[in-house]
All heavy atoms as atom14 arrays in JSON, in Angstrom:
{
  "sequence": "QVWVGAKQHELQVNSMQLLYYQAPMSCGMLLC",
  "atom14_mask": [
    [1, 1, 1, 1, 1, 1, 1, 1, 1, 0, 0, 0, 0, 0],
    [1, 1, 1, 1, 1, 1, 1, 0, 0, 0, 0, 0, 0, 0],
    [1, 1, 1, 1, 1, 1, 1, 1, 1, 1, 1, 1, 1, 1],
    [1, 1, 1, 1, 1, 1, 1, 0, 0, 0, 0, 0, 0, 0],
    [1, 1, 1, 1, 0, 0, 0, 0, 0, 0, 0, 0, 0, 0],
    [1, 1, 1, 1, 1, 0, 0, 0, 0, 0, 0, 0, 0, 0],
    [1, 1, 1, 1, 1, 1, 1, 1, 1, 0, 0, 0, 0, 0],
    [1, 1, 1, 1, 1, 1, 1, 1, 1, 0, 0, 0, 0, 0],
    [1, 1, 1, 1, 1, 1, 1, 1, 1, 1, 0, 0, 0, 0],
    [1, 1, 1, 1, 1, 1, 1, 1, 1, 0, 0, 0, 0, 0],
    [1, 1, 1, 1, 1, 1, 1, 1, 0, 0, 0, 0, 0, 0],
    [1, 1, 1, 1, 1, 1, 1, 1, 1, 0, 0, 0, 0, 0],
    [1, 1, 1, 1, 1, 1, 1, 0, 0, 0, 0, 0, 0, 0],
    [1, 1, 1, 1, 1, 1, 1, 1, 0, 0, 0, 0, 0, 0],
    [1, 1, 1, 1, 1, 1, 0, 0, 0, 0, 0, 0, 0, 0],
    [1, 1, 1, 1, 1, 1, 1, 1, 0, 0, 0, 0, 0, 0],
    [1, 1, 1, 1, 1, 1, 1, 1, 1, 0, 0, 0, 0, 0],
    [1, 1, 1, 1, 1, 1, 1, 1, 0, 0, 0, 0, 0, 0],
    [1, 1, 1, 1, 1, 1, 1, 1, 0, 0, 0, 0, 0, 0],
    [1, 1, 1, 1, 1, 1, 1, 1, 1, 1, 1, 1, 0, 0],
    [1, 1, 1, 1, 1, 1, 1, 1, 1, 1, 1, 1, 0, 0],
    [1, 1, 1, 1, 1, 1, 1, 1, 1, 0, 0, 0, 0, 0],
    [1, 1, 1, 1, 1, 0, 0, 0, 0, 0, 0, 0, 0, 0],
    [1, 1, 1, 1, 1, 1, 1, 0, 0, 0, 0, 0, 0, 0],
    [1, 1, 1, 1, 1, 1, 1, 1, 0, 0, 0, 0, 0, 0],
    [1, 1, 1, 1, 1, 1, 0, 0, 0, 0, 0, 0, 0, 0],
    [1, 1, 1, 1, 1, 1, 0, 0, 0, 0, 0, 0, 0, 0],
    [1, 1, 1, 1, 0, 0, 0, 0, 0, 0, 0, 0, 0, 0],
    [1, 1, 1, 1, 1, 1, 1, 1, 0, 0, 0, 0, 0, 0],
    [1, 1, 1, 1, 1, 1, 1, 1, 0, 0, 0, 0, 0, 0],
    [1, 1, 1, 1, 1, 1, 1, 1, 0, 0, 0, 0, 0, 0],
    [1, 1, 1, 1, 1, 1, 0, 0, 0, 0, 0, 0, 0, 0]
  ],
  "atom14_positions": [
    [[-7.52, 52.95, -12.8], [-6.37, 51.98, -12.74], [-5.64, 52.08, -11.43], [-5.2, 51.05, -10.88], [-5.47, 52.21, -13.96], [-6.1, 51.82, -15.28], [-5.14, 51.83, -16.46], [-3.92, 51.93, -16.26], [-5.67, 51.73, -17.64], [0.0, 0.0, 0.0], [0.0, 0.0, 0.0], [0.0, 0.0, 0.0], [0.0, 0.0, 0.0], [0.0, 0.0, 0.0]],
    [[-5.47, 53.31, -10.94], [-4.79, 53.49, -9.66], [-5.61, 52.85, -8.54], [-5.1, 52.11, -7.69], [-4.55, 54.98, -9.36], [-4.06, 55.18, -7.92], [-3.49, 55.53, -10.34], [0.0, 0.0, 0.0], [0.0, 0.0, 0.0], [0.0, 0.0, 0.0], [0.0, 0.0, 0.0], [0.0, 0.0, 0.0], [0.0, 0.0, 0.0], [0.0, 0.0, 0.0]],
    [[-6.96, 53.08, -8.57], [-7.83, 52.56, -7.52], [-7.95, 51.03, -7.58], [-8.0, 50.35, -6.59], [-9.21, 53.21, -7.63], [-9.24, 54.63, -7.17], [-8.28, 55.26, -6.45], [-10.24, 55.58, -7.44], [-8.63, 56.58, -6.23], [-9.84, 56.81, -6.85], [-11.47, 55.56, -8.17], [-10.56, 57.96, -6.94], [-12.21, 56.75, -8.23], [-11.79, 57.92, -7.6]],
    [[-7.98, 50.5, -8.85], [-8.1, 49.04, -8.98], [-6.84, 48.36, -8.3], [-6.99, 47.37, -7.61], [-8.2, 48.64, -10.47], [-7.83, 47.18, -10.67], [-9.6, 48.85, -10.94], [0.0, 0.0, 0.0], [0.0, 0.0, 0.0], [0.0, 0.0, 0.0], [0.0, 0.0, 0.0], [0.0, 0.0, 0.0], [0.0, 0.0, 0.0], [0.0, 0.0, 0.0]],
    [[-5.69, 48.9, -8.64], [-4.45, 48.31, -8.07], [-4.52, 48.37, -6.52], [-4.16, 47.38, -5.86], [0.0, 0.0, 0.0], [0.0, 0.0, 0.0], [0.0, 0.0, 0.0], [0.0, 0.0, 0.0], [0.0, 0.0, 0.0], [0.0, 0.0, 0.0], [0.0, 0.0, 0.0], [0.0, 0.0, 0.0], [0.0, 0.0, 0.0], [0.0, 0.0, 0.0]],
    [[-4.91, 49.51, -5.98], [-5.03, 49.65, -4.52], [-6.09, 48.72, -3.94], [-5.87, 48.06, -2.89], [-5.33, 51.08, -4.15], [0.0, 0.0, 0.0], [0.0, 0.0, 0.0], [0.0, 0.0, 0.0], [0.0, 0.0, 0.0], [0.0, 0.0, 0.0], [0.0, 0.0, 0.0], [0.0, 0.0, 0.0], [0.0, 0.0, 0.0], [0.0, 0.0, 0.0]],
    [[-7.25, 48.6, -4.58], [-8.33, 47.79, -4.05], [-7.96, 46.28, -4.16], [-8.33, 45.52, -3.23], [-9.59, 48.06, -4.87], [-10.38, 49.27, -4.38], [-10.96, 49.11, -3.0], [-11.71, 50.28, -2.53], [-12.2, 50.17, -1.12], [0.0, 0.0, 0.0], [0.0, 0.0, 0.0], [0.0, 0.0, 0.0], [0.0, 0.0, 0.0], [0.0, 0.0, 0.0]],
    [[-7.35, 45.9, -5.21], [-6.96, 44.45, -5.34], [-6.01, 44.11, -4.19], [-6.1, 42.98, -3.62], [-6.3, 44.2, -6.67], [-7.3, 44.08, -7.85], [-6.62, 43.65, -9.13], [-6.33, 44.46, -9.97], [-6.37, 42.38, -9.29], [0.0, 0.0, 0.0], [0.0, 0.0, 0.0], [0.0, 0.0, 0.0], [0.0, 0.0, 0.0], [0.0, 0.0, 0.0]],
    [[-5.09, 45.0, -3.88], [-4.13, 44.71, -2.81], [-4.85, 44.74, -1.44], [-4.66, 43.85, -0.59], [-3.02, 45.79, -2.84], [-2.0, 45.55, -1.75], [-1.09, 44.53, -1.78], [-1.77, 46.26, -0.59], [-0.33, 44.61, -0.69], [-0.7, 45.64, 0.01], [0.0, 0.0, 0.0], [0.0, 0.0, 0.0], [0.0, 0.0, 0.0], [0.0, 0.0, 0.0]],
    [[-5.76, 45.72, -1.28], [-6.46, 45.86, -0.02], [-7.4, 44.71, 0.25], [-7.46, 44.19, 1.39], [-7.25, 47.2, -0.01], [-8.09, 47.45, 1.2], [-9.1, 48.58, 1.01], [-8.82, 49.47, 0.14], [-10.14, 48.57, 1.64], [0.0, 0.0, 0.0], [0.0, 0.0, 0.0], [0.0, 0.0, 0.0], [0.0, 0.0, 0.0], [0.0, 0.0, 0.0]],
    [[-8.16, 44.33, -0.76], [-9.21, 43.29, -0.56], [-8.72, 41.9, -0.89], [-9.45, 40.91, -0.7], [-10.44, 43.64, -1.47], [-11.06, 44.98, -1.25], [-12.13, 45.22, -2.32], [-11.68, 45.04, 0.15], [0.0, 0.0, 0.0], [0.0, 0.0, 0.0], [0.0, 0.0, 0.0], [0.0, 0.0, 0.0], [0.0, 0.0, 0.0], [0.0, 0.0, 0.0]],
    [[-7.45, 41.76, -1.42], [-6.89, 40.48, -1.78], [-7.79, 39.71, -2.76], [-8.18, 38.56, -2.54], [-6.65, 39.65, -0.51], [-5.6, 40.18, 0.43], [-4.24, 40.23, -0.19], [-3.69, 39.22, -0.6], [-3.64, 41.45, -0.34], [0.0, 0.0, 0.0], [0.0, 0.0, 0.0], [0.0, 0.0, 0.0], [0.0, 0.0, 0.0], [0.0, 0.0, 0.0]],
    [[-8.09, 40.41, -3.86], [-8.92, 39.76, -4.9], [-8.19, 39.97, -6.25], [-7.37, 40.89, -6.41], [-10.32, 40.44, -4.99], [-11.13, 40.09, -3.79], [-10.25, 41.93, -5.21], [0.0, 0.0, 0.0], [0.0, 0.0, 0.0], [0.0, 0.0, 0.0], [0.0, 0.0, 0.0], [0.0, 0.0, 0.0], [0.0, 0.0, 0.0], [0.0, 0.0, 0.0]],
    [[-8.55, 39.15, -7.25], [-8.0, 39.33, -8.6], [-8.95, 40.18, -9.4], [-10.06, 40.56, -8.97], [-7.69, 38.01, -9.25], [-8.9, 37.11, -9.46], [-10.0, 37.62, -9.74], [-8.76, 35.82, -9.22], [0.0, 0.0, 0.0], [0.0, 0.0, 0.0], [0.0, 0.0, 0.0], [0.0, 0.0, 0.0], [0.0, 0.0, 0.0], [0.0, 0.0, 0.0]],
    [[-8.58, 40.49, -10.67], [-9.38, 41.39, -11.49], [-10.75, 40.86, -11.76], [-11.73, 41.62, -11.83], [-8.63, 41.7, -12.8], [-8.34, 40.48, -13.49], [0.0, 0.0, 0.0], [0.0, 0.0, 0.0], [0.0, 0.0, 0.0], [0.0, 0.0, 0.0], [0.0, 0.0, 0.0], [0.0, 0.0, 0.0], [0.0, 0.0, 0.0], [0.0, 0.0, 0.0]],
    [[-10.92, 39.56, -12.01], [-12.19, 38.96, -12.31], [-13.15, 39.0, -11.12], [-14.3, 39.23, -11.24], [-12.08, 37.57, -12.87], [-11.52, 37.53, -14.27], [-11.6, 35.88, -15.05], [-13.27, 35.85, -15.57], [0.0, 0.0, 0.0], [0.0, 0.0, 0.0], [0.0, 0.0, 0.0], [0.0, 0.0, 0.0], [0.0, 0.0, 0.0], [0.0, 0.0, 0.0]],
    [[-12.58, 38.72, -9.91], [-13.39, 38.74, -8.71], [-13.88, 40.16, -8.47], [-15.06, 40.37, -7.99], [-12.55, 38.29, -7.51], [-12.26, 36.82, -7.55], [-11.27, 36.39, -6.44], [-10.37, 37.13, -6.11], [-11.46, 35.17, -5.86], [0.0, 0.0, 0.0], [0.0, 0.0, 0.0], [0.0, 0.0, 0.0], [0.0, 0.0, 0.0], [0.0, 0.0, 0.0]],
    [[-13.08, 41.18, -8.78], [-13.47, 42.57, -8.6], [-14.52, 42.96, -9.66], [-15.56, 43.6, -9.3], [-12.25, 43.46, -8.68], [-12.28, 44.79, -7.95], [-12.66, 44.63, -6.52], [-10.85, 45.43, -8.04], [0.0, 0.0, 0.0], [0.0, 0.0, 0.0], [0.0, 0.0, 0.0], [0.0, 0.0, 0.0], [0.0, 0.0, 0.0], [0.0, 0.0, 0.0]],
    [[-14.28, 42.55, -10.89], [-15.19, 42.9, -11.99], [-16.53, 42.24, -11.79], [-17.61, 42.8, -12.2], [-14.56, 42.46, -13.3], [-15.25, 43.0, -14.58], [-15.27, 44.49, -14.63], [-14.49, 42.45, -15.81], [0.0, 0.0, 0.0], [0.0, 0.0, 0.0], [0.0, 0.0, 0.0], [0.0, 0.0, 0.0], [0.0, 0.0, 0.0], [0.0, 0.0, 0.0]],
    [[-16.61, 41.08, -11.14], [-17.79, 40.35, -10.85], [-18.79, 41.23, -10.07], [-20.0, 41.11, -10.23], [-17.49, 39.06, -10.11], [-18.68, 38.17, -9.85], [-19.3, 37.5, -10.94], [-19.13, 37.93, -8.55], [-20.41, 36.67, -10.7], [-20.21, 37.08, -8.36], [-20.83, 36.44, -9.38], [-21.93, 35.68, -9.19], [0.0, 0.0, 0.0], [0.0, 0.0, 0.0]],
    [[-18.26, 42.08, -9.2], [-19.09, 42.97, -8.37], [-19.27, 44.29, -9.09], [-20.33, 44.94, -9.01], [-18.49, 43.2, -7.01], [-18.71, 42.0, -6.07], [-17.84, 40.96, -6.02], [-19.86, 42.0, -5.25], [-18.08, 39.88, -5.18], [-20.09, 40.94, -4.41], [-19.21, 39.85, -4.4], [-19.42, 38.78, -3.56], [0.0, 0.0, 0.0], [0.0, 0.0, 0.0]],
    [[-18.24, 44.77, -9.78], [-18.27, 46.07, -10.47], [-19.32, 46.08, -11.55], [-20.07, 47.06, -11.68], [-16.96, 46.4, -11.11], [-15.89, 46.96, -10.19], [-14.6, 47.12, -10.97], [-13.58, 46.63, -10.54], [-14.66, 47.78, -12.09], [0.0, 0.0, 0.0], [0.0, 0.0, 0.0], [0.0, 0.0, 0.0], [0.0, 0.0, 0.0], [0.0, 0.0, 0.0]],
    [[-19.33, 45.07, -12.45], [-20.17, 45.07, -13.6], [-21.67, 45.27, -13.29], [-22.29, 46.17, -13.87], [-19.97, 43.8, -14.43], [0.0, 0.0, 0.0], [0.0, 0.0, 0.0], [0.0, 0.0, 0.0], [0.0, 0.0, 0.0], [0.0, 0.0, 0.0], [0.0, 0.0, 0.0], [0.0, 0.0, 0.0], [0.0, 0.0, 0.0], [0.0, 0.0, 0.0]],
    [[-22.26, 44.5, -12.38], [-23.69, 44.72, -12.08], [-23.96, 46.07, -11.45], [-25.01, 46.73, -11.69], [-24.07, 43.57, -11.14], [-22.77, 43.07, -10.59], [-21.79, 43.3, -11.64], [0.0, 0.0, 0.0], [0.0, 0.0, 0.0], [0.0, 0.0, 0.0], [0.0, 0.0, 0.0], [0.0, 0.0, 0.0], [0.0, 0.0, 0.0], [0.0, 0.0, 0.0]],
    [[-23.02, 46.55, -10.57], [-23.25, 47.86, -9.93], [-23.21, 48.96, -10.97], [-24.01, 49.88, -11.0], [-22.22, 48.09, -8.84], [-22.39, 47.28, -7.62], [-21.16, 47.58, -6.31], [-21.66, 49.26, -5.81], [0.0, 0.0, 0.0], [0.0, 0.0, 0.0], [0.0, 0.0, 0.0], [0.0, 0.0, 0.0], [0.0, 0.0, 0.0], [0.0, 0.0, 0.0]],
    [[-22.23, 48.88, -11.9], [-22.09, 49.87, -12.94], [-23.28, 49.83, -13.85], [-23.77, 50.86, -14.37], [-20.79, 49.65, -13.73], [-19.69, 49.77, -12.91], [0.0, 0.0, 0.0], [0.0, 0.0, 0.0], [0.0, 0.0, 0.0], [0.0, 0.0, 0.0], [0.0, 0.0, 0.0], [0.0, 0.0, 0.0], [0.0, 0.0, 0.0], [0.0, 0.0, 0.0]],
    [[-23.74, 48.62, -14.16], [-24.93, 48.45, -15.01], [-26.14, 49.12, -14.38], [-26.89, 49.82, -15.07], [-25.19, 46.94, -15.19], [-26.45, 46.53, -16.41], [0.0, 0.0, 0.0], [0.0, 0.0, 0.0], [0.0, 0.0, 0.0], [0.0, 0.0, 0.0], [0.0, 0.0, 0.0], [0.0, 0.0, 0.0], [0.0, 0.0, 0.0], [0.0, 0.0, 0.0]],
    [[-26.35, 48.92, -13.1], [-27.47, 49.57, -12.34], [-27.38, 51.07, -12.36], [-28.37, 51.78, -12.55], [0.0, 0.0, 0.0], [0.0, 0.0, 0.0], [0.0, 0.0, 0.0], [0.0, 0.0, 0.0], [0.0, 0.0, 0.0], [0.0, 0.0, 0.0], [0.0, 0.0, 0.0], [0.0, 0.0, 0.0], [0.0, 0.0, 0.0], [0.0, 0.0, 0.0]],
    [[-26.16, 51.59, -12.2], [-25.97, 53.06, -12.19], [-26.34, 53.63, -13.53], [-27.03, 54.63, -13.67], [-24.52, 53.35, -11.86], [-24.12, 53.09, -10.44], [-22.32, 53.31, -10.19], [-22.15, 52.73, -8.51], [0.0, 0.0, 0.0], [0.0, 0.0, 0.0], [0.0, 0.0, 0.0], [0.0, 0.0, 0.0], [0.0, 0.0, 0.0], [0.0, 0.0, 0.0]],
    [[-25.79, 53.02, -14.6], [-26.11, 53.48, -15.96], [-27.58, 53.43, -16.33], [-28.13, 54.28, -16.95], [-25.25, 52.73, -17.01], [-23.87, 53.27, -17.36], [-23.29, 52.51, -18.52], [-23.88, 54.75, -17.66], [0.0, 0.0, 0.0], [0.0, 0.0, 0.0], [0.0, 0.0, 0.0], [0.0, 0.0, 0.0], [0.0, 0.0, 0.0], [0.0, 0.0, 0.0]],
    [[-28.19, 52.36, -15.83], [-29.62, 52.16, -16.09], [-30.45, 53.32, -15.51], [-31.46, 53.71, -16.11], [-30.06, 50.81, -15.46], [-31.43, 50.27, -15.93], [-31.43, 49.99, -17.42], [-31.74, 48.95, -15.19], [0.0, 0.0, 0.0], [0.0, 0.0, 0.0], [0.0, 0.0, 0.0], [0.0, 0.0, 0.0], [0.0, 0.0, 0.0], [0.0, 0.0, 0.0]],
    [[-30.01, 53.86, -14.4], [-30.7, 55.0, -13.79], [-30.41, 56.31, -14.49], [-31.19, 57.23, -14.51], [-30.26, 55.15, -12.34], [-30.79, 53.71, -11.29], [0.0, 0.0, 0.0], [0.0, 0.0, 0.0], [0.0, 0.0, 0.0], [0.0, 0.0, 0.0], [0.0, 0.0, 0.0], [0.0, 0.0, 0.0], [0.0, 0.0, 0.0], [0.0, 0.0, 0.0]]
  ]
}
């Protein structure tokens, strides 16, 4: 939660735009 807040401010994105990239990356990590 701390990192999300910092990243949203740093990258100027909202939660859905961030999750759009997080979800597939997290999915690939777990798959391995």
